[in-house]
Amino acid sequence: MHKLFRISLVLFLLGVSAWATWRIALPAAAQAKVARVATLAVAQSETWNLGVTVEGAPIYRAVIGRLMSDVGAFRSARATQAATIFPAPASARTVQAASFYLLNRTGAYSGTATLSLVIYDYAGTPQHTASATGIDLQTSPMGVWTPIALSGTPGDLVISPGEFLAFCFTLSEAAAGDLDVRPLFEVSVN
């Protein structure tokens, strides 16, 4: 009988100590979980490098049925405007950094071929220009990542729901010449 009593007492004490340990650890675990949820609630940094190149006005429905690629294709003989469009975000994102890498550039164009980073609405209306200035694609260095200077106005860097980000290729004159530029793009957002 004493043996059964001792075993019962030991089991009871083990149960009480396990319960007490659980009760003591619960606030710490709850705090850790709250901290993790708060960390996840902050927008994580993302790098975007896949887009869809469209010729003409950068209207979001123009990407339908086109394949995404990490290489843009801008040709001066085809259109005065072309864009590499990134997928529209479901929640607001802020551009933190942007750069491009010219894989290939052939031919020439008599006017200026400019690259800029622009935020558009779905209809193709420019909302903000995220780049500080346009970049001359005929004189930009090839084979190196070139950072893009961003606008100093914080609101110009925000991509809201219903908007999308695009690298916009614009010619200063009519479509002509045989300039063919193949850039890679990289944009960091959070």
N, C-alpha and C. Protein backbone atom coordinates (compact mmCIF):
# COMPACT_ATOMS: atom_id res chain seq x y z
N MET A 1 0.82 -1.18 0.00
CA MET A 1 0.00 0.00 0.00
C MET A 1 0.87 1.25 0.00
N HIS A 2 1.98 1.21 0.81
CA HIS A 2 2.88 2.37 0.83
C HIS A 2 3.52 2.58 -0.54
N LYS A 3 3.83 1.49 -1.20
CA LYS A 3 4.45 1.60 -2.51
C LYS A 3 3.49 2.28 -3.50
N LEU A 4 2.24 1.89 -3.49
CA LEU A 4 1.23 2.49 -4.36
C LEU A 4 1.03 3.96 -4.01
N PHE A 5 1.05 4.28 -2.73
CA PHE A 5 0.92 5.66 -2.29
C PHE A 5 2.11 6.50 -2.78
N ARG A 6 3.33 5.97 -2.67
CA ARG A 6 4.53 6.67 -3.11
C ARG A 6 4.50 6.92 -4.63
N ILE A 7 4.11 5.91 -5.36
CA ILE A 7 4.05 6.06 -6.82
C ILE A 7 3.01 7.12 -7.19
N SER A 8 1.88 7.08 -6.53
CA SER A 8 0.83 8.08 -6.78
C SER A 8 1.32 9.47 -6.43
N LEU A 9 2.02 9.58 -5.30
CA LEU A 9 2.54 10.88 -4.88
C LEU A 9 3.59 11.39 -5.87
N VAL A 10 4.47 10.52 -6.33
CA VAL A 10 5.50 10.92 -7.30
C VAL A 10 4.84 11.37 -8.61
N LEU A 11 3.87 10.63 -9.09
CA LEU A 11 3.15 11.00 -10.31
C LEU A 11 2.42 12.33 -10.13
N PHE A 12 1.80 12.52 -8.96
CA PHE A 12 1.11 13.77 -8.67
C PHE A 12 2.09 14.92 -8.68
N LEU A 13 3.25 14.76 -8.03
CA LEU A 13 4.26 15.82 -7.98
C LEU A 13 4.85 16.11 -9.37
N LEU A 14 5.04 15.07 -10.18
CA LEU A 14 5.52 15.27 -11.55
C LEU A 14 4.50 16.07 -12.36
N GLY A 15 3.24 15.73 -12.20
CA GLY A 15 2.17 16.45 -12.90
C GLY A 15 2.11 17.91 -12.49
N VAL A 16 2.20 18.16 -11.14
CA VAL A 16 2.18 19.54 -10.65
C VAL A 16 3.39 20.31 -11.16
N SER A 17 4.57 19.69 -11.17
CA SER A 17 5.77 20.40 -11.64
C SER A 17 5.68 20.66 -13.16
N ALA A 18 5.14 19.73 -13.92
CA ALA A 18 4.96 19.95 -15.36
C ALA A 18 3.98 21.09 -15.60
N TRP A 19 2.89 21.10 -14.84
CA TRP A 19 1.90 22.17 -14.97
C TRP A 19 2.52 23.52 -14.62
N ALA A 20 3.32 23.57 -13.52
CA ALA A 20 3.95 24.81 -13.08
C ALA A 20 4.97 25.29 -14.13
N THR A 21 5.72 24.37 -14.71
CA THR A 21 6.69 24.73 -15.75
C THR A 21 5.96 25.29 -16.96
N TRP A 22 4.87 24.66 -17.35
CA TRP A 22 4.09 25.12 -18.49
C TRP A 22 3.53 26.52 -18.22
N ARG A 23 3.03 26.76 -17.01
CA ARG A 23 2.47 28.07 -16.66
C ARG A 23 3.54 29.15 -16.63
N ILE A 24 4.73 28.81 -16.19
CA ILE A 24 5.82 29.78 -16.15
C ILE A 24 6.31 30.09 -17.57
N ALA A 25 6.40 29.05 -18.42
CA ALA A 25 6.91 29.22 -19.78
C ALA A 25 5.88 29.85 -20.71
N LEU A 26 4.62 29.76 -20.39
CA LEU A 26 3.56 30.26 -21.27
C LEU A 26 3.71 31.74 -21.61
N PRO A 27 3.94 32.63 -20.62
CA PRO A 27 4.10 34.04 -20.99
C PRO A 27 5.28 34.28 -21.94
N ALA A 28 6.39 33.58 -21.72
CA ALA A 28 7.56 33.76 -22.60
C ALA A 28 7.24 33.26 -24.00
N ALA A 29 6.56 32.13 -24.11
CA ALA A 29 6.18 31.59 -25.42
C ALA A 29 5.20 32.53 -26.11
N ALA A 30 4.26 33.06 -25.34
CA ALA A 30 3.27 33.97 -25.92
C ALA A 30 3.96 35.25 -26.41
N GLN A 31 4.92 35.75 -25.66
CA GLN A 31 5.65 36.94 -26.08
C GLN A 31 6.45 36.67 -27.35
N ALA A 32 7.08 35.49 -27.41
CA ALA A 32 7.84 35.13 -28.60
C ALA A 32 6.93 35.04 -29.82
N LYS A 33 5.74 34.49 -29.62
CA LYS A 33 4.79 34.35 -30.73
C LYS A 33 4.30 35.72 -31.18
N VAL A 34 4.02 36.60 -30.26
CA VAL A 34 3.58 37.95 -30.60
C VAL A 34 4.69 38.68 -31.36
N ALA A 35 5.93 38.52 -30.91
CA ALA A 35 7.05 39.16 -31.59
C ALA A 35 7.20 38.62 -33.01
N ARG A 36 7.02 37.32 -33.20
CA ARG A 36 7.12 36.71 -34.53
C ARG A 36 6.01 37.23 -35.44
N VAL A 37 4.80 37.31 -34.93
CA VAL A 37 3.68 37.82 -35.71
C VAL A 37 3.93 39.28 -36.09
N ALA A 38 4.46 40.07 -35.17
CA ALA A 38 4.76 41.47 -35.46
C ALA A 38 5.84 41.57 -36.54
N THR A 39 6.83 40.68 -36.49
CA THR A 39 7.88 40.67 -37.50
C THR A 39 7.29 40.32 -38.86
N LEU A 40 6.40 39.36 -38.91
CA LEU A 40 5.79 38.96 -40.17
C LEU A 40 4.86 40.03 -40.71
N ALA A 41 4.29 40.84 -39.83
CA ALA A 41 3.37 41.89 -40.26
C ALA A 41 4.11 43.01 -40.99
N VAL A 42 5.39 43.19 -40.69
CA VAL A 42 6.19 44.19 -41.38
C VAL A 42 6.50 43.63 -42.77
N ALA A 43 6.32 44.44 -43.80
CA ALA A 43 6.55 43.98 -45.16
C ALA A 43 7.99 43.51 -45.33
N GLN A 44 8.13 42.32 -45.83
CA GLN A 44 9.45 41.74 -46.08
C GLN A 44 10.03 42.36 -47.34
N SER A 45 11.34 42.47 -47.39
CA SER A 45 12.01 42.98 -48.57
C SER A 45 11.97 41.93 -49.67
N GLU A 46 11.70 42.36 -50.88
CA GLU A 46 11.63 41.47 -52.03
C GLU A 46 12.51 42.04 -53.14
N THR A 47 13.00 41.15 -53.99
CA THR A 47 13.72 41.57 -55.18
C THR A 47 12.92 41.13 -56.39
N TRP A 48 12.59 42.07 -57.23
CA TRP A 48 11.84 41.79 -58.45
C TRP A 48 12.80 41.82 -59.62
N ASN A 49 12.77 40.77 -60.45
CA ASN A 49 13.61 40.76 -61.64
C ASN A 49 12.92 40.10 -62.84
N LEU A 50 11.66 39.72 -62.70
CA LEU A 50 10.90 39.14 -63.80
C LEU A 50 9.78 40.08 -64.22
N GLY A 51 9.71 40.36 -65.49
CA GLY A 51 8.67 41.23 -65.99
C GLY A 51 8.23 40.81 -67.38
N VAL A 52 7.32 41.57 -67.93
CA VAL A 52 6.80 41.32 -69.27
C VAL A 52 7.06 42.57 -70.10
N THR A 53 7.72 42.40 -71.25
CA THR A 53 7.99 43.54 -72.12
C THR A 53 6.83 43.73 -73.09
N VAL A 54 6.33 44.95 -73.16
CA VAL A 54 5.26 45.31 -74.10
C VAL A 54 5.72 46.51 -74.91
N GLU A 55 5.31 46.55 -76.16
CA GLU A 55 5.63 47.68 -77.01
C GLU A 55 4.40 48.57 -77.10
N GLY A 56 4.61 49.86 -77.08
CA GLY A 56 3.51 50.81 -77.04
C GLY A 56 3.26 51.24 -75.61
N ALA A 57 2.07 51.78 -75.37
CA ALA A 57 1.73 52.28 -74.03
C ALA A 57 1.73 51.14 -73.01
N PRO A 58 2.27 51.39 -71.82
CA PRO A 58 2.32 50.36 -70.77
C PRO A 58 0.96 50.21 -70.07
N ILE A 59 0.06 49.51 -70.71
CA ILE A 59 -1.26 49.24 -70.14
C ILE A 59 -1.21 47.83 -69.54
N TYR A 60 -1.74 47.67 -68.34
CA TYR A 60 -1.57 46.40 -67.63
C TYR A 60 -2.18 45.22 -68.37
N ARG A 61 -3.28 45.42 -69.06
CA ARG A 61 -3.91 44.29 -69.76
C ARG A 61 -3.05 43.81 -70.94
N ALA A 62 -2.04 44.59 -71.34
CA ALA A 62 -1.15 44.19 -72.43
C ALA A 62 -0.27 43.00 -72.05
N VAL A 63 -0.16 42.70 -70.77
CA VAL A 63 0.68 41.57 -70.36
C VAL A 63 -0.04 40.22 -70.49
N ILE A 64 -1.34 40.24 -70.73
CA ILE A 64 -2.12 39.00 -70.81
C ILE A 64 -1.58 38.13 -71.94
N GLY A 65 -1.29 36.89 -71.62
CA GLY A 65 -0.82 35.93 -72.61
C GLY A 65 0.65 36.02 -72.97
N ARG A 66 1.36 36.93 -72.36
CA ARG A 66 2.79 37.07 -72.65
C ARG A 66 3.59 36.38 -71.56
N LEU A 67 4.76 35.88 -71.94
CA LEU A 67 5.63 35.20 -70.99
C LEU A 67 6.47 36.21 -70.21
N MET A 68 6.72 35.88 -68.96
CA MET A 68 7.60 36.70 -68.13
C MET A 68 9.04 36.34 -68.48
N SER A 69 9.92 37.30 -68.32
CA SER A 69 11.33 37.07 -68.60
C SER A 69 12.17 37.96 -67.70
N ASP A 70 13.41 37.58 -67.53
CA ASP A 70 14.32 38.43 -66.78
C ASP A 70 15.07 39.39 -67.70
N VAL A 71 14.83 39.28 -69.03
CA VAL A 71 15.49 40.14 -70.00
C VAL A 71 14.45 40.99 -70.72
N GLY A 72 14.66 42.30 -70.72
CA GLY A 72 13.80 43.20 -71.48
C GLY A 72 14.28 43.27 -72.93
N ALA A 73 13.43 43.73 -73.82
CA ALA A 73 13.79 43.87 -75.23
C ALA A 73 13.22 45.20 -75.74
N PHE A 74 14.11 46.13 -76.02
CA PHE A 74 13.69 47.43 -76.51
C PHE A 74 14.32 47.66 -77.88
N ARG A 75 13.47 47.93 -78.89
CA ARG A 75 13.95 48.11 -80.27
C ARG A 75 13.40 49.44 -80.82
N SER A 76 14.31 50.27 -81.31
CA SER A 76 13.91 51.61 -81.76
C SER A 76 13.08 51.60 -83.03
N ALA A 77 13.16 50.57 -83.85
CA ALA A 77 12.40 50.53 -85.10
C ALA A 77 10.94 50.12 -84.89
N ARG A 78 10.59 49.62 -83.70
CA ARG A 78 9.27 49.04 -83.48
C ARG A 78 8.25 50.01 -82.88
N ALA A 79 8.66 50.83 -81.92
CA ALA A 79 7.71 51.73 -81.25
C ALA A 79 8.48 52.85 -80.55
N THR A 80 7.82 53.99 -80.34
CA THR A 80 8.47 55.09 -79.63
C THR A 80 8.47 54.88 -78.13
N GLN A 81 7.68 53.91 -77.68
CA GLN A 81 7.61 53.61 -76.26
C GLN A 81 7.46 52.10 -76.07
N ALA A 82 8.16 51.58 -75.08
CA ALA A 82 8.04 50.17 -74.69
C ALA A 82 8.31 50.12 -73.19
N ALA A 83 7.92 49.04 -72.57
CA ALA A 83 8.12 48.94 -71.12
C ALA A 83 8.26 47.49 -70.70
N THR A 84 9.04 47.28 -69.67
CA THR A 84 9.06 45.99 -68.98
C THR A 84 8.24 46.19 -67.73
N ILE A 85 7.11 45.49 -67.67
CA ILE A 85 6.13 45.66 -66.60
C ILE A 85 6.30 44.56 -65.57
N PHE A 86 6.36 44.94 -64.29
CA PHE A 86 6.42 43.99 -63.20
C PHE A 86 5.01 43.69 -62.71
N PRO A 87 4.75 42.51 -62.17
CA PRO A 87 3.41 42.20 -61.65
C PRO A 87 2.97 43.21 -60.59
N ALA A 88 1.70 43.56 -60.64
CA ALA A 88 1.15 44.52 -59.68
C ALA A 88 1.08 43.89 -58.29
N PRO A 89 1.49 44.63 -57.26
CA PRO A 89 1.43 44.08 -55.91
C PRO A 89 0.01 44.14 -55.34
N ALA A 90 -0.30 43.22 -54.45
CA ALA A 90 -1.62 43.19 -53.79
C ALA A 90 -1.69 44.18 -52.64
N SER A 91 -0.53 44.55 -52.11
CA SER A 91 -0.49 45.55 -51.04
C SER A 91 0.59 46.57 -51.40
N ALA A 92 0.57 47.70 -50.74
CA ALA A 92 1.52 48.77 -51.06
C ALA A 92 2.96 48.30 -50.88
N ARG A 93 3.80 48.68 -51.80
CA ARG A 93 5.23 48.38 -51.76
C ARG A 93 5.98 49.68 -51.99
N THR A 94 7.18 49.77 -51.43
CA THR A 94 8.02 50.95 -51.60
C THR A 94 9.32 50.53 -52.27
N VAL A 95 9.68 51.21 -53.34
CA VAL A 95 10.93 50.94 -54.05
C VAL A 95 12.08 51.39 -53.16
N GLN A 96 13.01 50.48 -52.91
CA GLN A 96 14.18 50.78 -52.08
C GLN A 96 15.43 51.00 -52.92
N ALA A 97 15.55 50.24 -54.02
CA ALA A 97 16.72 50.35 -54.90
C ALA A 97 16.35 49.75 -56.25
N ALA A 98 17.06 50.18 -57.28
CA ALA A 98 16.84 49.65 -58.62
C ALA A 98 18.15 49.72 -59.39
N SER A 99 18.34 48.76 -60.28
CA SER A 99 19.53 48.76 -61.12
C SER A 99 19.24 47.99 -62.41
N PHE A 100 20.10 48.16 -63.39
CA PHE A 100 19.97 47.43 -64.64
C PHE A 100 21.35 47.00 -65.13
N TYR A 101 21.34 46.01 -66.02
CA TYR A 101 22.56 45.42 -66.56
C TYR A 101 22.33 45.25 -68.05
N LEU A 102 23.11 45.92 -68.88
CA LEU A 102 22.94 45.78 -70.32
C LEU A 102 23.67 44.54 -70.81
N LEU A 103 22.89 43.55 -71.20
CA LEU A 103 23.46 42.32 -71.75
C LEU A 103 24.00 42.54 -73.16
N ASN A 104 23.21 43.30 -73.94
CA ASN A 104 23.54 43.49 -75.33
C ASN A 104 22.95 44.81 -75.82
N ARG A 105 23.71 45.46 -76.69
CA ARG A 105 23.22 46.68 -77.34
C ARG A 105 23.84 46.71 -78.72
N THR A 106 22.98 46.75 -79.74
CA THR A 106 23.45 46.83 -81.11
C THR A 106 22.69 47.92 -81.84
N GLY A 107 23.24 48.38 -82.95
CA GLY A 107 22.56 49.36 -83.78
C GLY A 107 22.67 50.77 -83.22
N ALA A 108 21.89 51.65 -83.85
CA ALA A 108 21.93 53.06 -83.46
C ALA A 108 20.57 53.70 -83.67
N TYR A 109 20.38 54.82 -83.01
CA TYR A 109 19.17 55.63 -83.14
C TYR A 109 19.61 57.08 -83.17
N SER A 110 19.03 57.88 -84.07
CA SER A 110 19.49 59.26 -84.24
C SER A 110 19.11 60.18 -83.09
N GLY A 111 18.05 59.85 -82.37
CA GLY A 111 17.64 60.67 -81.24
C GLY A 111 18.14 60.10 -79.93
N THR A 112 17.41 60.36 -78.86
CA THR A 112 17.76 59.87 -77.53
C THR A 112 16.84 58.72 -77.15
N ALA A 113 17.42 57.66 -76.63
CA ALA A 113 16.67 56.50 -76.13
C ALA A 113 16.83 56.50 -74.61
N THR A 114 15.75 56.77 -73.90
CA THR A 114 15.81 56.98 -72.46
C THR A 114 15.10 55.87 -71.70
N LEU A 115 15.69 55.48 -70.58
CA LEU A 115 15.10 54.51 -69.68
C LEU A 115 14.72 55.22 -68.39
N SER A 116 13.51 54.98 -67.90
CA SER A 116 13.10 55.54 -66.61
C SER A 116 12.25 54.52 -65.87
N LEU A 117 12.16 54.67 -64.58
CA LEU A 117 11.39 53.78 -63.72
C LEU A 117 10.12 54.53 -63.31
N VAL A 118 8.96 54.02 -63.76
CA VAL A 118 7.70 54.74 -63.60
C VAL A 118 6.64 53.84 -62.97
N ILE A 119 5.78 54.44 -62.15
CA ILE A 119 4.65 53.74 -61.56
C ILE A 119 3.40 54.20 -62.31
N TYR A 120 2.65 53.22 -62.86
CA TYR A 120 1.45 53.49 -63.65
C TYR A 120 0.22 52.91 -62.97
N ASP A 121 -0.96 53.44 -63.32
CA ASP A 121 -2.19 52.75 -62.93
C ASP A 121 -2.50 51.72 -64.03
N TYR A 122 -3.52 50.89 -63.82
CA TYR A 122 -3.81 49.81 -64.77
C TYR A 122 -4.10 50.32 -66.18
N ALA A 123 -4.63 51.52 -66.31
CA ALA A 123 -4.96 52.08 -67.62
C ALA A 123 -3.73 52.63 -68.35
N GLY A 124 -2.58 52.65 -67.69
CA GLY A 124 -1.36 53.15 -68.30
C GLY A 124 -1.09 54.61 -68.07
N THR A 125 -1.79 55.21 -67.11
CA THR A 125 -1.56 56.62 -66.77
C THR A 125 -0.44 56.70 -65.75
N PRO A 126 0.62 57.47 -66.04
CA PRO A 126 1.72 57.59 -65.07
C PRO A 126 1.22 58.21 -63.75
N GLN A 127 1.59 57.58 -62.64
CA GLN A 127 1.23 58.08 -61.31
C GLN A 127 2.42 58.77 -60.64
N HIS A 128 3.60 58.17 -60.77
CA HIS A 128 4.83 58.71 -60.18
C HIS A 128 6.00 58.28 -61.04
N THR A 129 7.05 59.08 -61.03
CA THR A 129 8.31 58.66 -61.63
C THR A 129 9.26 58.35 -60.49
N ALA A 130 9.61 57.07 -60.38
CA ALA A 130 10.45 56.61 -59.27
C ALA A 130 11.92 56.93 -59.49
N SER A 131 12.36 56.99 -60.74
CA SER A 131 13.76 57.33 -61.01
C SER A 131 13.94 58.85 -60.95
N ALA A 132 15.10 59.26 -60.50
CA ALA A 132 15.37 60.69 -60.37
C ALA A 132 15.53 61.36 -61.73
N THR A 133 16.15 60.66 -62.67
CA THR A 133 16.36 61.18 -64.02
C THR A 133 16.26 60.04 -65.02
N GLY A 134 16.11 60.39 -66.29
CA GLY A 134 16.14 59.39 -67.34
C GLY A 134 17.57 58.96 -67.61
N ILE A 135 17.74 57.75 -68.10
CA ILE A 135 19.07 57.19 -68.37
C ILE A 135 19.21 56.98 -69.87
N ASP A 136 20.27 57.49 -70.45
CA ASP A 136 20.52 57.35 -71.88
C ASP A 136 21.04 55.93 -72.15
N LEU A 137 20.22 55.13 -72.82
CA LEU A 137 20.60 53.73 -73.06
C LEU A 137 21.67 53.58 -74.14
N GLN A 138 21.91 54.61 -74.93
CA GLN A 138 22.94 54.51 -75.96
C GLN A 138 24.34 54.74 -75.41
N THR A 139 24.44 55.36 -74.24
CA THR A 139 25.76 55.64 -73.66
C THR A 139 25.99 54.90 -72.34
N SER A 140 24.99 54.20 -71.84
CA SER A 140 25.15 53.47 -70.57
C SER A 140 26.16 52.34 -70.74
N PRO A 141 26.92 52.06 -69.68
CA PRO A 141 27.92 51.00 -69.79
C PRO A 141 27.28 49.62 -69.92
N MET A 142 27.94 48.76 -70.68
CA MET A 142 27.47 47.38 -70.84
C MET A 142 28.26 46.46 -69.91
N GLY A 143 27.61 45.36 -69.51
CA GLY A 143 28.31 44.33 -68.76
C GLY A 143 28.53 44.63 -67.28
N VAL A 144 27.88 45.66 -66.75
CA VAL A 144 27.99 45.97 -65.31
C VAL A 144 26.61 46.35 -64.79
N TRP A 145 26.37 46.08 -63.53
CA TRP A 145 25.13 46.53 -62.90
C TRP A 145 25.24 48.02 -62.65
N THR A 146 24.27 48.76 -63.16
CA THR A 146 24.25 50.22 -63.02
C THR A 146 23.11 50.61 -62.10
N PRO A 147 23.40 51.21 -60.94
CA PRO A 147 22.33 51.63 -60.04
C PRO A 147 21.54 52.80 -60.65
N ILE A 148 20.27 52.85 -60.34
CA ILE A 148 19.40 53.92 -60.81
C ILE A 148 19.14 54.86 -59.65
N ALA A 149 19.42 56.13 -59.85
CA ALA A 149 19.14 57.13 -58.82
C ALA A 149 17.62 57.25 -58.69
N LEU A 150 17.14 57.15 -57.45
CA LEU A 150 15.70 57.21 -57.20
C LEU A 150 15.27 58.62 -56.82
N SER A 151 14.01 58.90 -57.03
CA SER A 151 13.43 60.20 -56.68
C SER A 151 13.63 60.47 -55.19
N GLY A 152 13.86 61.73 -54.87
CA GLY A 152 14.02 62.13 -53.47
C GLY A 152 12.70 62.34 -52.76
N THR A 153 11.59 62.24 -53.49
CA THR A 153 10.26 62.40 -52.89
C THR A 153 9.75 61.02 -52.48
N PRO A 154 9.58 60.75 -51.18
CA PRO A 154 9.17 59.42 -50.74
C PRO A 154 7.89 58.90 -51.40
N GLY A 155 6.92 59.77 -51.64
CA GLY A 155 5.67 59.34 -52.26
C GLY A 155 5.83 58.82 -53.67
N ASP A 156 6.91 59.26 -54.36
CA ASP A 156 7.16 58.79 -55.73
C ASP A 156 7.61 57.34 -55.77
N LEU A 157 7.98 56.78 -54.63
CA LEU A 157 8.51 55.42 -54.58
C LEU A 157 7.48 54.39 -54.14
N VAL A 158 6.26 54.82 -53.84
CA VAL A 158 5.22 53.91 -53.33
C VAL A 158 4.37 53.38 -54.49
N ILE A 159 4.28 52.05 -54.56
CA ILE A 159 3.41 51.38 -55.53
C ILE A 159 2.18 50.93 -54.76
N SER A 160 1.06 51.55 -55.00
CA SER A 160 -0.18 51.24 -54.28
C SER A 160 -0.94 50.15 -55.01
N PRO A 161 -1.89 49.48 -54.31
CA PRO A 161 -2.75 48.54 -55.02
C PRO A 161 -3.46 49.26 -56.17
N GLY A 162 -3.56 48.59 -57.31
CA GLY A 162 -4.13 49.20 -58.50
C GLY A 162 -3.08 49.89 -59.36
N GLU A 163 -1.82 49.78 -58.96
CA GLU A 163 -0.71 50.36 -59.71
C GLU A 163 0.34 49.28 -59.98
N PHE A 164 1.22 49.56 -60.93
CA PHE A 164 2.32 48.63 -61.22
C PHE A 164 3.57 49.43 -61.56
N LEU A 165 4.70 48.78 -61.44
CA LEU A 165 6.00 49.38 -61.70
C LEU A 165 6.49 48.93 -63.07
N ALA A 166 7.10 49.83 -63.83
CA ALA A 166 7.63 49.48 -65.14
C ALA A 166 8.90 50.26 -65.44
N PHE A 167 9.83 49.59 -66.10
CA PHE A 167 10.97 50.26 -66.70
C PHE A 167 10.50 50.71 -68.07
N CYS A 168 10.48 52.00 -68.29
CA CYS A 168 9.91 52.57 -69.50
C CYS A 168 11.02 53.04 -70.45
N PHE A 169 10.95 52.58 -71.68
CA PHE A 169 11.88 52.92 -72.74
C PHE A 169 11.18 53.92 -73.65
N THR A 170 11.76 55.11 -73.81
CA THR A 170 11.12 56.16 -74.59
C THR A 170 12.10 56.74 -75.60
N LEU A 171 11.62 56.92 -76.83
CA LEU A 171 12.43 57.54 -77.87
C LEU A 171 12.06 59.01 -77.98
N SER A 172 13.05 59.86 -78.26
CA SER A 172 12.80 61.30 -78.36
C SER A 172 12.14 61.69 -79.68
N GLU A 173 12.25 60.84 -80.69
CA GLU A 173 11.67 61.11 -82.00
C GLU A 173 10.89 59.89 -82.46
N ALA A 174 10.54 59.87 -83.73
CA ALA A 174 9.77 58.74 -84.28
C ALA A 174 10.58 57.45 -84.23
N ALA A 175 9.86 56.33 -84.27
CA ALA A 175 10.51 55.03 -84.31
C ALA A 175 11.33 54.92 -85.59
N ALA A 176 12.60 54.62 -85.44
CA ALA A 176 13.50 54.52 -86.59
C ALA A 176 14.81 53.89 -86.14
N GLY A 177 15.71 53.70 -87.06
CA GLY A 177 17.01 53.15 -86.72
C GLY A 177 16.93 51.66 -86.41
N ASP A 178 18.03 51.15 -85.89
CA ASP A 178 18.08 49.71 -85.58
C ASP A 178 18.65 49.45 -84.18
N LEU A 179 18.46 50.40 -83.28
CA LEU A 179 18.92 50.21 -81.90
C LEU A 179 18.15 49.06 -81.26
N ASP A 180 18.87 48.12 -80.69
CA ASP A 180 18.28 46.96 -80.02
C ASP A 180 19.00 46.81 -78.68
N VAL A 181 18.27 46.99 -77.60
CA VAL A 181 18.86 46.97 -76.25
C VAL A 181 18.23 45.82 -75.47
N ARG A 182 19.06 45.01 -74.80
CA ARG A 182 18.58 43.88 -74.00
C ARG A 182 19.10 44.00 -72.56
N PRO A 183 18.29 44.62 -71.68
CA PRO A 183 18.72 44.80 -70.28
C PRO A 183 18.11 43.75 -69.33
N LEU A 184 18.82 43.53 -68.26
CA LEU A 184 18.30 42.82 -67.08
C LEU A 184 17.93 43.90 -66.08
N PHE A 185 16.91 43.63 -65.27
CA PHE A 185 16.49 44.61 -64.27
C PHE A 185 16.45 43.95 -62.89
N GLU A 186 16.66 44.77 -61.87
CA GLU A 186 16.53 44.30 -60.48
C GLU A 186 16.00 45.46 -59.65
N VAL A 187 14.89 45.21 -58.96
CA VAL A 187 14.27 46.23 -58.11
C VAL A 187 14.05 45.63 -56.73
N SER A 188 14.50 46.32 -55.70
CA SER A 188 14.24 45.90 -54.32
C SER A 188 13.10 46.72 -53.77
N VAL A 189 12.10 46.04 -53.24
CA VAL A 189 10.94 46.70 -52.65
C VAL A 189 10.67 46.12 -51.27
N ASN A 190 9.98 46.88 -50.44
CA ASN A 190 9.48 46.30 -49.18
C ASN A 190 8.10 46.85 -48.92
